Amino acid sequence: MKDAESSDPMLEQRRVKSRSFIRLPAWITINASPIKEHVAFVRDISPDGIFFYSDFAPSAGEHIEFVLEYLKGNNRVRLHLSGQVVRLESTARKTTGVAVRFDSPREDVPRWPVRQK
């Protein structure tokens, strides 16, 4: 898979906000995808971006709009998000790791215990 990280000077800057490293099963709905809803596994999230594993692979550099849904207790939470795919990672299990930098900071992302990286 192609890696957009090396060609983007914005990614060479240090991370300003800490990420929440989580294990969150979720659903991702992509309007531009032939199959619109995908199961996802969120690895980490911050107000600036998200990294998740899923069964679809957008292109590095592509702008995507998506809805992230997850369960918080008995409630289903929906976040409408958009951003640029900044990195893709292949896995042995035929899933793709997708890193997305949000178009603007999102303070409404889920918060769990934080580990600085």
PDB file of N, CA and C in Angstrom:
ATOM      1  N   MET A   1       0.837  -1.177   0.000  1.00  0.00           N
ATOM      2  CA  MET A   1       0.000   0.000   0.000  1.00  0.00           C
ATOM      3  C   MET A   1       0.880   1.237   0.000  1.00  0.00           C
ATOM      4  N   LYS A   2       0.366   2.277  -0.559  1.00  0.00           N
ATOM      5  CA  LYS A   2       1.109   3.517  -0.656  1.00  0.00           C
ATOM      6  C   LYS A   2       1.072   4.266   0.661  1.00  0.00           C
ATOM      7  N   ASP A   3       2.162   4.921   0.994  1.00  0.00           N
ATOM      8  CA  ASP A   3       2.268   5.656   2.245  1.00  0.00           C
ATOM      9  C   ASP A   3       2.381   7.141   1.919  1.00  0.00           C
ATOM     10  N   ALA A   4       1.386   7.925   2.303  1.00  0.00           N
ATOM     11  CA  ALA A   4       1.366   9.357   1.996  1.00  0.00           C
ATOM     12  C   ALA A   4       2.151  10.155   3.022  1.00  0.00           C
ATOM     13  N   GLU A   5       2.584   9.512   4.093  1.00  0.00           N
ATOM     14  CA  GLU A   5       3.188  10.238   5.198  1.00  0.00           C
ATOM     15  C   GLU A   5       4.485  10.923   4.794  1.00  0.00           C
ATOM     16  N   SER A   6       5.340  10.255   4.025  1.00  0.00           N
ATOM     17  CA  SER A   6       6.644  10.820   3.712  1.00  0.00           C
ATOM     18  C   SER A   6       6.556  12.042   2.819  1.00  0.00           C
ATOM     19  N   SER A   7       5.472  12.204   2.066  1.00  0.00           N
ATOM     20  CA  SER A   7       5.355  13.334   1.162  1.00  0.00           C
ATOM     21  C   SER A   7       4.596  14.508   1.768  1.00  0.00           C
ATOM     22  N   ASP A   8       4.149  14.408   2.992  1.00  0.00           N
ATOM     23  CA  ASP A   8       3.344  15.449   3.611  1.00  0.00           C
ATOM     24  C   ASP A   8       4.130  16.131   4.727  1.00  0.00           C
ATOM     25  N   PRO A   9       4.587  17.384   4.504  1.00  0.00           N
ATOM     26  CA  PRO A   9       5.380  18.064   5.532  1.00  0.00           C
ATOM     27  C   PRO A   9       4.596  18.304   6.821  1.00  0.00           C
ATOM     28  N   MET A  10       3.264  18.357   6.758  1.00  0.00           N
ATOM     29  CA  MET A  10       2.470  18.563   7.966  1.00  0.00           C
ATOM     30  C   MET A  10       2.649  17.409   8.949  1.00  0.00           C
ATOM     31  N   LEU A  11       2.882  16.197   8.432  1.00  0.00           N
ATOM     32  CA  LEU A  11       3.018  15.041   9.300  1.00  0.00           C
ATOM     33  C   LEU A  11       4.383  14.978   9.970  1.00  0.00           C
ATOM     34  N   GLU A  12       5.335  15.757   9.480  1.00  0.00           N
ATOM     35  CA  GLU A  12       6.655  15.765  10.090  1.00  0.00           C
ATOM     36  C   GLU A  12       6.659  16.565  11.383  1.00  0.00           C
ATOM     37  N   GLN A  13       5.631  17.376  11.617  1.00  0.00           N
ATOM     38  CA  GLN A  13       5.535  18.142  12.847  1.00  0.00           C
ATOM     39  C   GLN A  13       5.165  17.206  13.985  1.00  0.00           C
ATOM     40  N   ARG A  14       5.518  17.601  15.202  1.00  0.00           N
ATOM     41  CA  ARG A  14       5.173  16.783  16.362  1.00  0.00           C
ATOM     42  C   ARG A  14       3.685  16.883  16.656  1.00  0.00           C
ATOM     43  N   ARG A  15       3.154  15.828  17.205  1.00  0.00           N
ATOM     44  CA  ARG A  15       1.745  15.775  17.568  1.00  0.00           C
ATOM     45  C   ARG A  15       1.497  16.742  18.712  1.00  0.00           C
ATOM     46  N   VAL A  16       0.517  17.629  18.567  1.00  0.00           N
ATOM     47  CA  VAL A  16       0.217  18.632  19.579  1.00  0.00           C
ATOM     48  C   VAL A  16      -0.722  18.066  20.635  1.00  0.00           C
ATOM     49  N   LYS A  17      -1.706  17.303  20.210  1.00  0.00           N
ATOM     50  CA  LYS A  17      -2.696  16.752  21.131  1.00  0.00           C
ATOM     51  C   LYS A  17      -2.418  15.279  21.352  1.00  0.00           C
ATOM     52  N   SER A  18      -2.675  14.823  22.563  1.00  0.00           N
ATOM     53  CA  SER A  18      -2.455  13.415  22.861  1.00  0.00           C
ATOM     54  C   SER A  18      -3.574  12.579  22.258  1.00  0.00           C
ATOM     55  N   ARG A  19      -3.229  11.337  21.954  1.00  0.00           N
ATOM     56  CA  ARG A  19      -4.200  10.396  21.409  1.00  0.00           C
ATOM     57  C   ARG A  19      -4.718   9.506  22.522  1.00  0.00           C
ATOM     58  N   SER A  20      -5.954   9.101  22.391  1.00  0.00           N
ATOM     59  CA  SER A  20      -6.508   8.094  23.281  1.00  0.00           C
ATOM     60  C   SER A  20      -6.320   6.760  22.583  1.00  0.00           C
ATOM     61  N   PHE A  21      -5.519   5.874  23.186  1.00  0.00           N
ATOM     62  CA  PHE A  21      -5.335   4.537  22.633  1.00  0.00           C
ATOM     63  C   PHE A  21      -6.476   3.681  23.164  1.00  0.00           C
ATOM     64  N   ILE A  22      -7.313   3.238  22.254  1.00  0.00           N
ATOM     65  CA  ILE A  22      -8.528   2.542  22.651  1.00  0.00           C
ATOM     66  C   ILE A  22      -8.686   1.287  21.826  1.00  0.00           C
ATOM     67  N   ARG A  23      -9.563   0.454  22.253  1.00  0.00           N
ATOM     68  CA  ARG A  23      -9.987  -0.709  21.465  1.00  0.00           C
ATOM     69  C   ARG A  23     -11.490  -0.571  21.340  1.00  0.00           C
ATOM     70  N   LEU A  24     -11.904  -0.008  20.224  1.00  0.00           N
ATOM     71  CA  LEU A  24     -13.308   0.355  20.076  1.00  0.00           C
ATOM     72  C   LEU A  24     -13.888  -0.244  18.803  1.00  0.00           C
ATOM     73  N   PRO A  25     -14.766  -1.243  18.925  1.00  0.00           N
ATOM     74  CA  PRO A  25     -15.460  -1.703  17.731  1.00  0.00           C
ATOM     75  C   PRO A  25     -16.426  -0.612  17.286  1.00  0.00           C
ATOM     76  N   ALA A  26     -16.509  -0.423  15.988  1.00  0.00           N
ATOM     77  CA  ALA A  26     -17.338   0.661  15.464  1.00  0.00           C
ATOM     78  C   ALA A  26     -17.827   0.299  14.073  1.00  0.00           C
ATOM     79  N   TRP A  27     -18.675   1.141  13.535  1.00  0.00           N
ATOM     80  CA  TRP A  27     -19.150   1.026  12.161  1.00  0.00           C
ATOM     81  C   TRP A  27     -18.776   2.302  11.445  1.00  0.00           C
ATOM     82  N   ILE A  28     -18.303   2.148  10.218  1.00  0.00           N
ATOM     83  CA  ILE A  28     -17.928   3.302   9.399  1.00  0.00           C
ATOM     84  C   ILE A  28     -18.820   3.275   8.167  1.00  0.00           C
ATOM     85  N   THR A  29     -19.454   4.384   7.886  1.00  0.00           N
ATOM     86  CA  THR A  29     -20.264   4.507   6.675  1.00  0.00           C
ATOM     87  C   THR A  29     -19.584   5.487   5.740  1.00  0.00           C
ATOM     88  N   ILE A  30     -19.239   5.016   4.552  1.00  0.00           N
ATOM     89  CA  ILE A  30     -18.561   5.830   3.542  1.00  0.00           C
ATOM     90  C   ILE A  30     -19.513   5.992   2.362  1.00  0.00           C
ATOM     91  N   ASN A  31     -19.881   7.208   2.055  1.00  0.00           N
ATOM     92  CA  ASN A  31     -20.814   7.423   0.947  1.00  0.00           C
ATOM     93  C   ASN A  31     -20.214   7.098  -0.406  1.00  0.00           C
ATOM     94  N   ALA A  32     -18.908   7.269  -0.582  1.00  0.00           N
ATOM     95  CA  ALA A  32     -18.279   7.061  -1.879  1.00  0.00           C
ATOM     96  C   ALA A  32     -17.953   5.592  -2.143  1.00  0.00           C
ATOM     97  N   SER A  33     -18.170   4.725  -1.185  1.00  0.00           N
ATOM     98  CA  SER A  33     -17.819   3.312  -1.305  1.00  0.00           C
ATOM     99  C   SER A  33     -19.003   2.521  -1.859  1.00  0.00           C
ATOM    100  N   PRO A  34     -18.745   1.521  -2.735  1.00  0.00           N
ATOM    101  CA  PRO A  34     -19.861   0.695  -3.238  1.00  0.00           C
ATOM    102  C   PRO A  34     -20.612   0.001  -2.098  1.00  0.00           C
ATOM    103  N   ILE A  35     -19.882  -0.517  -1.124  1.00  0.00           N
ATOM    104  CA  ILE A  35     -20.489  -1.066   0.087  1.00  0.00           C
ATOM    105  C   ILE A  35     -20.373   0.046   1.117  1.00  0.00           C
ATOM    106  N   LYS A  36     -21.478   0.599   1.532  1.00  0.00           N
ATOM    107  CA  LYS A  36     -21.444   1.817   2.334  1.00  0.00           C
ATOM    108  C   LYS A  36     -21.047   1.609   3.790  1.00  0.00           C
ATOM    109  N   GLU A  37     -21.523   0.534   4.431  1.00  0.00           N
ATOM    110  CA  GLU A  37     -21.213   0.352   5.849  1.00  0.00           C
ATOM    111  C   GLU A  37     -20.133  -0.709   6.023  1.00  0.00           C
ATOM    112  N   HIS A  38     -19.143  -0.391   6.848  1.00  0.00           N
ATOM    113  CA  HIS A  38     -18.017  -1.273   7.108  1.00  0.00           C
ATOM    114  C   HIS A  38     -17.823  -1.410   8.613  1.00  0.00           C
ATOM    115  N   VAL A  39     -17.449  -2.598   9.029  1.00  0.00           N
ATOM    116  CA  VAL A  39     -17.070  -2.800  10.420  1.00  0.00           C
ATOM    117  C   VAL A  39     -15.671  -2.241  10.579  1.00  0.00           C
ATOM    118  N   ALA A  40     -15.432  -1.571  11.691  1.00  0.00           N
ATOM    119  CA  ALA A  40     -14.119  -0.978  11.937  1.00  0.00           C
ATOM    120  C   ALA A  40     -13.699  -1.270  13.368  1.00  0.00           C
ATOM    121  N   PHE A  41     -12.406  -1.191  13.586  1.00  0.00           N
ATOM    122  CA  PHE A  41     -11.834  -1.343  14.914  1.00  0.00           C
ATOM    123  C   PHE A  41     -10.921  -0.144  15.125  1.00  0.00           C
ATOM    124  N   VAL A  42     -11.342   0.777  15.985  1.00  0.00           N
ATOM    125  CA  VAL A  42     -10.586   2.013  16.206  1.00  0.00           C
ATOM    126  C   VAL A  42      -9.421   1.711  17.149  1.00  0.00           C
ATOM    127  N   ARG A  43      -8.201   2.035  16.708  1.00  0.00           N
ATOM    128  CA  ARG A  43      -7.015   1.840  17.538  1.00  0.00           C
ATOM    129  C   ARG A  43      -6.729   3.062  18.386  1.00  0.00           C
ATOM    130  N   ASP A  44      -6.794   4.245  17.767  1.00  0.00           N
ATOM    131  CA  ASP A  44      -6.588   5.470  18.541  1.00  0.00           C
ATOM    132  C   ASP A  44      -7.300   6.628  17.875  1.00  0.00           C
ATOM    133  N   ILE A  45      -7.558   7.635  18.706  1.00  0.00           N
ATOM    134  CA  ILE A  45      -8.296   8.802  18.227  1.00  0.00           C
ATOM    135  C   ILE A  45      -7.861  10.012  19.036  1.00  0.00           C
ATOM    136  N   SER A  46      -7.856  11.156  18.390  1.00  0.00           N
ATOM    137  CA  SER A  46      -7.572  12.428  19.057  1.00  0.00           C
ATOM    138  C   SER A  46      -8.464  13.477  18.399  1.00  0.00           C
ATOM    139  N   PRO A  47      -8.489  14.692  18.929  1.00  0.00           N
ATOM    140  CA  PRO A  47      -9.271  15.739  18.262  1.00  0.00           C
ATOM    141  C   PRO A  47      -8.791  16.033  16.831  1.00  0.00           C
ATOM    142  N   ASP A  48      -7.568  15.609  16.496  1.00  0.00           N
ATOM    143  CA  ASP A  48      -7.010  15.896  15.167  1.00  0.00           C
ATOM    144  C   ASP A  48      -7.146  14.754  14.169  1.00  0.00           C
ATOM    145  N   GLY A  49      -7.390  13.531  14.637  1.00  0.00           N
ATOM    146  CA  GLY A  49      -7.454  12.425  13.695  1.00  0.00           C
ATOM    147  C   GLY A  49      -7.793  11.103  14.334  1.00  0.00           C
ATOM    148  N   ILE A  50      -7.823  10.072  13.492  1.00  0.00           N
ATOM    149  CA  ILE A  50      -8.228   8.734  13.920  1.00  0.00           C
ATOM    150  C   ILE A  50      -7.415   7.706  13.150  1.00  0.00           C
ATOM    151  N   PHE A  51      -7.166   6.569  13.791  1.00  0.00           N
ATOM    152  CA  PHE A  51      -6.577   5.413  13.120  1.00  0.00           C
ATOM    153  C   PHE A  51      -7.483   4.237  13.399  1.00  0.00           C
ATOM    154  N   PHE A  52      -7.917   3.570  12.329  1.00  0.00           N
ATOM    155  CA  PHE A  52      -8.791   2.417  12.485  1.00  0.00           C
ATOM    156  C   PHE A  52      -8.426   1.343  11.472  1.00  0.00           C
ATOM    157  N   TYR A  53      -8.831   0.123  11.773  1.00  0.00           N
ATOM    158  CA  TYR A  53      -8.686  -1.005  10.860  1.00  0.00           C
ATOM    159  C   TYR A  53     -10.056  -1.308  10.286  1.00  0.00           C
ATOM    160  N   SER A  54     -10.106  -1.622   8.989  1.00  0.00           N
ATOM    161  CA  SER A  54     -11.377  -1.960   8.371  1.00  0.00           C
ATOM    162  C   SER A  54     -11.151  -2.794   7.124  1.00  0.00           C
ATOM    163  N   ASP A  55     -12.246  -3.191   6.483  1.00  0.00           N
ATOM    164  CA  ASP A  55     -12.173  -4.034   5.292  1.00  0.00           C
ATOM    165  C   ASP A  55     -12.189  -3.227   3.997  1.00  0.00           C
ATOM    166  N   PHE A  56     -12.088  -1.927   4.067  1.00  0.00           N
ATOM    167  CA  PHE A  56     -12.011  -1.132   2.846  1.00  0.00           C
ATOM    168  C   PHE A  56     -10.707  -0.344   2.860  1.00  0.00           C
ATOM    169  N   ALA A  57     -10.238   0.016   1.672  1.00  0.00           N
ATOM    170  CA  ALA A  57      -8.954   0.703   1.563  1.00  0.00           C
ATOM    171  C   ALA A  57      -9.086   1.929   0.664  1.00  0.00           C
ATOM    172  N   PRO A  58      -9.238   3.097   1.274  1.00  0.00           N
ATOM    173  CA  PRO A  58      -9.234   4.312   0.455  1.00  0.00           C
ATOM    174  C   PRO A  58      -7.817   4.547  -0.059  1.00  0.00           C
ATOM    175  N   SER A  59      -7.643   5.501  -0.914  1.00  0.00           N
ATOM    176  CA  SER A  59      -6.312   5.839  -1.425  1.00  0.00           C
ATOM    177  C   SER A  59      -5.633   6.827  -0.489  1.00  0.00           C
ATOM    178  N   ALA A  60      -4.321   6.706  -0.365  1.00  0.00           N
ATOM    179  CA  ALA A  60      -3.557   7.687   0.406  1.00  0.00           C
ATOM    180  C   ALA A  60      -3.735   9.054  -0.244  1.00  0.00           C
ATOM    181  N   GLY A  61      -3.994  10.055   0.574  1.00  0.00           N
ATOM    182  CA  GLY A  61      -4.225  11.404   0.076  1.00  0.00           C
ATOM    183  C   GLY A  61      -5.685  11.699  -0.230  1.00  0.00           C
ATOM    184  N   GLU A  62      -6.521  10.674  -0.265  1.00  0.00           N
ATOM    185  CA  GLU A  62      -7.941  10.849  -0.570  1.00  0.00           C
ATOM    186  C   GLU A  62      -8.657  11.572   0.574  1.00  0.00           C
ATOM    187  N   HIS A  63      -9.597  12.419   0.229  1.00  0.00           N
ATOM    188  CA  HIS A  63     -10.448  13.075   1.221  1.00  0.00           C
ATOM    189  C   HIS A  63     -11.691  12.206   1.382  1.00  0.00           C
ATOM    190  N   ILE A  64     -11.999  11.822   2.635  1.00  0.00           N
ATOM    191  CA  ILE A  64     -13.176  10.988   2.863  1.00  0.00           C
ATOM    192  C   ILE A  64     -14.091  11.648   3.880  1.00  0.00           C
ATOM    193  N   GLU A  65     -15.369  11.426   3.700  1.00  0.00           N
ATOM    194  CA  GLU A  65     -16.390  11.834   4.657  1.00  0.00           C
ATOM    195  C   GLU A  65     -17.013  10.553   5.174  1.00  0.00           C
ATOM    196  N   PHE A  66     -17.144  10.450   6.485  1.00  0.00           N
ATOM    197  CA  PHE A  66     -17.653   9.211   7.039  1.00  0.00           C
ATOM    198  C   PHE A  66     -18.369   9.455   8.349  1.00  0.00           C
ATOM    199  N   VAL A  67     -19.175   8.480   8.723  1.00  0.00           N
ATOM    200  CA  VAL A  67     -19.885   8.495   9.991  1.00  0.00           C
ATOM    201  C   VAL A  67     -19.284   7.387  10.833  1.00  0.00           C
ATOM    202  N   LEU A  68     -18.822   7.734  12.017  1.00  0.00           N
ATOM    203  CA  LEU A  68     -18.296   6.768  12.972  1.00  0.00           C
ATOM    204  C   LEU A  68     -19.382   6.510  13.996  1.00  0.00           C
ATOM    205  N   GLU A  69     -19.769   5.251  14.150  1.00  0.00           N
ATOM    206  CA  GLU A  69     -20.779   4.877  15.140  1.00  0.00           C
ATOM    207  C   GLU A  69     -20.167   3.892  16.114  1.00  0.00           C
ATOM    208  N   TYR A  70     -20.439   4.093  17.384  1.00  0.00           N
ATOM    209  CA  TYR A  70     -19.952   3.171  18.404  1.00  0.00           C
ATOM    210  C   TYR A  70     -20.934   3.169  19.570  1.00  0.00           C
ATOM    211  N   LEU A  71     -20.809   2.153  20.398  1.00  0.00           N
ATOM    212  CA  LEU A  71     -21.680   2.044  21.561  1.00  0.00           C
ATOM    213  C   LEU A  71     -21.005   2.657  22.774  1.00  0.00           C
ATOM    214  N   LYS A  72     -21.757   3.470  23.502  1.00  0.00           N
ATOM    215  CA  LYS A  72     -21.313   4.038  24.771  1.00  0.00           C
ATOM    216  C   LYS A  72     -22.377   3.641  25.780  1.00  0.00           C
ATOM    217  N   GLY A  73     -22.070   2.597  26.541  1.00  0.00           N
ATOM    218  CA  GLY A  73     -23.103   2.021  27.399  1.00  0.00           C
ATOM    219  C   GLY A  73     -24.155   1.375  26.514  1.00  0.00           C
ATOM    220  N   ASN A  74     -25.405   1.749  26.697  1.00  0.00           N
ATOM    221  CA  ASN A  74     -26.490   1.238  25.858  1.00  0.00           C
ATOM    222  C   ASN A  74     -26.841   2.184  24.717  1.00  0.00           C
ATOM    223  N   ASN A  75     -26.110   3.279  24.584  1.00  0.00           N
ATOM    224  CA  ASN A  75     -26.417   4.280  23.566  1.00  0.00           C
ATOM    225  C   ASN A  75     -25.478   4.148  22.371  1.00  0.00           C
ATOM    226  N   ARG A  76     -26.038   4.337  21.202  1.00  0.00           N
ATOM    227  CA  ARG A  76     -25.252   4.333  19.971  1.00  0.00           C
ATOM    228  C   ARG A  76     -24.904   5.784  19.641  1.00  0.00           C
ATOM    229  N   VAL A  77     -23.610   6.086  19.582  1.00  0.00           N
ATOM    230  CA  VAL A  77     -23.129   7.440  19.308  1.00  0.00           C
ATOM    231  C   VAL A  77     -22.738   7.539  17.837  1.00  0.00           C
ATOM    232  N   ARG A  78     -23.113   8.629  17.189  1.00  0.00           N
ATOM    233  CA  ARG A  78     -22.775   8.864  15.773  1.00  0.00           C
ATOM    234  C   ARG A  78     -21.997  10.159  15.647  1.00  0.00           C
ATOM    235  N   LEU A  79     -20.830  10.079  15.033  1.00  0.00           N
ATOM    236  CA  LEU A  79     -20.028  11.274  14.749  1.00  0.00           C
ATOM    237  C   LEU A  79     -19.871  11.396  13.242  1.00  0.00           C
ATOM    238  N   HIS A  80     -20.197  12.548  12.688  1.00  0.00           N
ATOM    239  CA  HIS A  80     -20.002  12.818  11.264  1.00  0.00           C
ATOM    240  C   HIS A  80     -18.629  13.462  11.119  1.00  0.00           C
ATOM    241  N   LEU A  81     -17.719  12.773  10.429  1.00  0.00           N
ATOM    242  CA  LEU A  81     -16.327  13.201  10.342  1.00  0.00           C
ATOM    243  C   LEU A  81     -15.883  13.292   8.890  1.00  0.00           C
ATOM    244  N   SER A  82     -14.850  14.077   8.664  1.00  0.00           N
ATOM    245  CA  SER A  82     -14.239  14.138   7.337  1.00  0.00           C
ATOM    246  C   SER A  82     -12.775  14.500   7.497  1.00  0.00           C
ATOM    247  N   GLY A  83     -11.982  14.041   6.542  1.00  0.00           N
ATOM    248  CA  GLY A  83     -10.561  14.353   6.600  1.00  0.00           C
ATOM    249  C   GLY A  83      -9.797  13.685   5.488  1.00  0.00           C
ATOM    250  N   GLN A  84      -8.489  13.850   5.543  1.00  0.00           N
ATOM    251  CA  GLN A  84      -7.598  13.331   4.517  1.00  0.00           C
ATOM    252  C   GLN A  84      -6.918  12.057   5.019  1.00  0.00           C
ATOM    253  N   VAL A  85      -6.894  11.040   4.165  1.00  0.00           N
ATOM    254  CA  VAL A  85      -6.180   9.806   4.477  1.00  0.00           C
ATOM    255  C   VAL A  85      -4.688  10.106   4.382  1.00  0.00           C
ATOM    256  N   VAL A  86      -3.999  10.004   5.513  1.00  0.00           N
ATOM    257  CA  VAL A  86      -2.571  10.356   5.543  1.00  0.00           C
ATOM    258  C   VAL A  86      -1.659   9.135   5.578  1.00  0.00           C
ATOM    259  N   ARG A  87      -2.222   7.956   5.907  1.00  0.00           N
ATOM    260  CA  ARG A  87      -1.391   6.756   5.950  1.00  0.00           C
ATOM    261  C   ARG A  87      -2.267   5.526   5.850  1.00  0.00           C
ATOM    262  N   LEU A  88      -1.743   4.514   5.167  1.00  0.00           N
ATOM    263  CA  LEU A  88      -2.396   3.214   5.075  1.00  0.00           C
ATOM    264  C   LEU A  88      -1.404   2.147   5.521  1.00  0.00           C
ATOM    265  N   GLU A  89      -1.894   1.142   6.228  1.00  0.00           N
ATOM    266  CA  GLU A  89      -1.052   0.030   6.657  1.00  0.00           C
ATOM    267  C   GLU A  89      -1.732  -1.280   6.276  1.00  0.00           C
ATOM    268  N   SER A  90      -0.978  -2.160   5.628  1.00  0.00           N
ATOM    269  CA  SER A  90      -1.490  -3.490   5.317  1.00  0.00           C
ATOM    270  C   SER A  90      -1.360  -4.371   6.544  1.00  0.00           C
ATOM    271  N   THR A  91      -2.273  -5.319   6.679  1.00  0.00           N
ATOM    272  CA  THR A  91      -2.189  -6.277   7.774  1.00  0.00           C
ATOM    273  C   THR A  91      -2.264  -7.682   7.202  1.00  0.00           C
ATOM    274  N   ALA A  92      -1.894  -8.651   7.984  1.00  0.00           N
ATOM    275  CA  ALA A  92      -1.921 -10.044   7.548  1.00  0.00           C
ATOM    276  C   ALA A  92      -3.348 -10.583   7.471  1.00  0.00           C
ATOM    277  N   ARG A  93      -4.292  -9.903   8.067  1.00  0.00           N
ATOM    278  CA  ARG A  93      -5.674 -10.405   8.127  1.00  0.00           C
ATOM    279  C   ARG A  93      -6.586  -9.790   7.072  1.00  0.00           C
ATOM    280  N   LYS A  94      -6.034  -9.307   6.007  1.00  0.00           N
ATOM    281  CA  LYS A  94      -6.807  -8.720   4.901  1.00  0.00           C
ATOM    282  C   LYS A  94      -7.631  -7.514   5.324  1.00  0.00           C
ATOM    283  N   THR A  95      -7.169  -6.813   6.332  1.00  0.00           N
ATOM    284  CA  THR A  95      -7.770  -5.544   6.694  1.00  0.00           C
ATOM    285  C   THR A  95      -6.746  -4.463   6.399  1.00  0.00           C
ATOM    286  N   THR A  96      -7.185  -3.242   6.416  1.00  0.00           N
ATOM    287  CA  THR A  96      -6.303  -2.112   6.158  1.00  0.00           C
ATOM    288  C   THR A  96      -6.356  -1.167   7.346  1.00  0.00           C
ATOM    289  N   GLY A  97      -5.201  -0.723   7.781  1.00  0.00           N
ATOM    290  CA  GLY A  97      -5.126   0.318   8.783  1.00  0.00           C
ATOM    291  C   GLY A  97      -5.217   1.658   8.086  1.00  0.00           C
ATOM    292  N   VAL A  98      -6.100   2.524   8.531  1.00  0.00           N
ATOM    293  CA  VAL A  98      -6.341   3.804   7.875  1.00  0.00           C
ATOM    294  C   VAL A  98      -6.155   4.930   8.887  1.00  0.00           C
ATOM    295  N   ALA A  99      -5.244   5.846   8.584  1.00  0.00           N
ATOM    296  CA  ALA A  99      -5.036   7.037   9.418  1.00  0.00           C
ATOM    297  C   ALA A  99      -5.634   8.227   8.686  1.00  0.00           C
ATOM    298  N   VAL A 100      -6.510   8.950   9.375  1.00  0.00           N
ATOM    299  CA  VAL A 100      -7.193  10.104   8.791  1.00  0.00           C
ATOM    300  C   VAL A 100      -6.928  11.326   9.665  1.00  0.00           C
ATOM    301  N   ARG A 101      -6.504  12.415   9.036  1.00  0.00           N
ATOM    302  CA  ARG A 101      -6.373  13.700   9.731  1.00  0.00           C
ATOM    303  C   ARG A 101      -7.663  14.472   9.466  1.00  0.00           C
ATOM    304  N   PHE A 102      -8.377  14.832  10.530  1.00  0.00           N
ATOM    305  CA  PHE A 102      -9.649  15.531  10.381  1.00  0.00           C
ATOM    306  C   PHE A 102      -9.447  16.909   9.738  1.00  0.00           C
ATOM    307  N   ASP A 103     -10.488  17.374   9.054  1.00  0.00           N
ATOM    308  CA  ASP A 103     -10.452  18.700   8.424  1.00  0.00           C
ATOM    309  C   ASP A 103     -10.295  19.810   9.455  1.00  0.00           C
ATOM    310  N   SER A 104     -10.891  19.624  10.604  1.00  0.00           N
ATOM    311  CA  SER A 104     -10.764  20.596  11.692  1.00  0.00           C
ATOM    312  C   SER A 104     -10.813  19.818  13.004  1.00  0.00           C
ATOM    313  N   PRO A 105     -10.243  20.382  14.077  1.00  0.00           N
ATOM    314  CA  PRO A 105     -10.224  19.674  15.359  1.00  0.00           C
ATOM    315  C   PRO A 105     -11.634  19.317  15.833  1.00  0.00           C
ATOM    316  N   ARG A 106     -11.748  18.124  16.420  1.00  0.00           N
ATOM    317  CA  ARG A 106     -13.027  17.625  16.916  1.00  0.00           C
ATOM    318  C   ARG A 106     -12.904  17.341  18.407  1.00  0.00           C
ATOM    319  N   GLU A 107     -13.491  18.188  19.208  1.00  0.00           N
ATOM    320  CA  GLU A 107     -13.430  17.991  20.653  1.00  0.00           C
ATOM    321  C   GLU A 107     -14.480  16.996  21.144  1.00  0.00           C
ATOM    322  N   ASP A 108     -15.354  16.530  20.228  1.00  0.00           N
ATOM    323  CA  ASP A 108     -16.406  15.605  20.616  1.00  0.00           C
ATOM    324  C   ASP A 108     -16.029  14.138  20.431  1.00  0.00           C
ATOM    325  N   VAL A 109     -14.757  13.857  20.168  1.00  0.00           N
ATOM    326  CA  VAL A 109     -14.334  12.466  20.011  1.00  0.00           C
ATOM    327  C   VAL A 109     -14.314  11.775  21.367  1.00  0.00           C
ATOM    328  N   PRO A 110     -14.459  10.449  21.377  1.00  0.00           N
ATOM    329  CA  PRO A 110     -14.470   9.738  22.661  1.00  0.00           C
ATOM    330  C   PRO A 110     -13.151   9.891  23.399  1.00  0.00           C
ATOM    331  N   ARG A 111     -13.232   9.932  24.728  1.00  0.00           N
ATOM    332  CA  ARG A 111     -12.046  10.057  25.592  1.00  0.00           C
ATOM    333  C   ARG A 111     -11.972   8.846  26.500  1.00  0.00           C
ATOM    334  N   TRP A 112     -10.851   8.219  26.496  1.00  0.00           N
ATOM    335  CA  TRP A 112     -10.556   7.121  27.408  1.00  0.00           C
ATOM    336  C   TRP A 112      -9.221   7.427  28.038  1.00  0.00           C
ATOM    337  N   PRO A 113      -8.743   6.596  28.936  1.00  0.00           N
ATOM    338  CA  PRO A 113      -7.409   6.858  29.500  1.00  0.00           C
ATOM    339  C   PRO A 113      -6.391   7.084  28.380  1.00  0.00           C
ATOM    340  N   VAL A 114      -5.582   8.093  28.551  1.00  0.00           N
ATOM    341  CA  VAL A 114      -4.676   8.537  27.487  1.00  0.00           C
ATOM    342  C   VAL A 114      -3.262   8.053  27.764  1.00  0.00           C
ATOM    343  N   ARG A 115      -2.594   7.629  26.712  1.00  0.00           N
ATOM    344  CA  ARG A 115      -1.175   7.288  26.780  1.00  0.00           C
ATOM    345  C   ARG A 115      -0.468   8.157  25.775  1.00  0.00           C
ATOM    346  N   GLN A 116       0.504   8.930  26.206  1.00  0.00           N
ATOM    347  CA  GLN A 116       1.255   9.804  25.306  1.00  0.00           C
ATOM    348  C   GLN A 116       2.149   8.978  24.405  1.00  0.00           C
ATOM    349  N   LYS A 117       2.276   9.395  23.152  1.00  0.00           N
ATOM    350  CA  LYS A 117       3.208   8.728  22.252  1.00  0.00           C
ATOM    351  C   LYS A 117       4.023   9.756  21.533  1.00  0.00           C
TER     352      LYS A 117
END
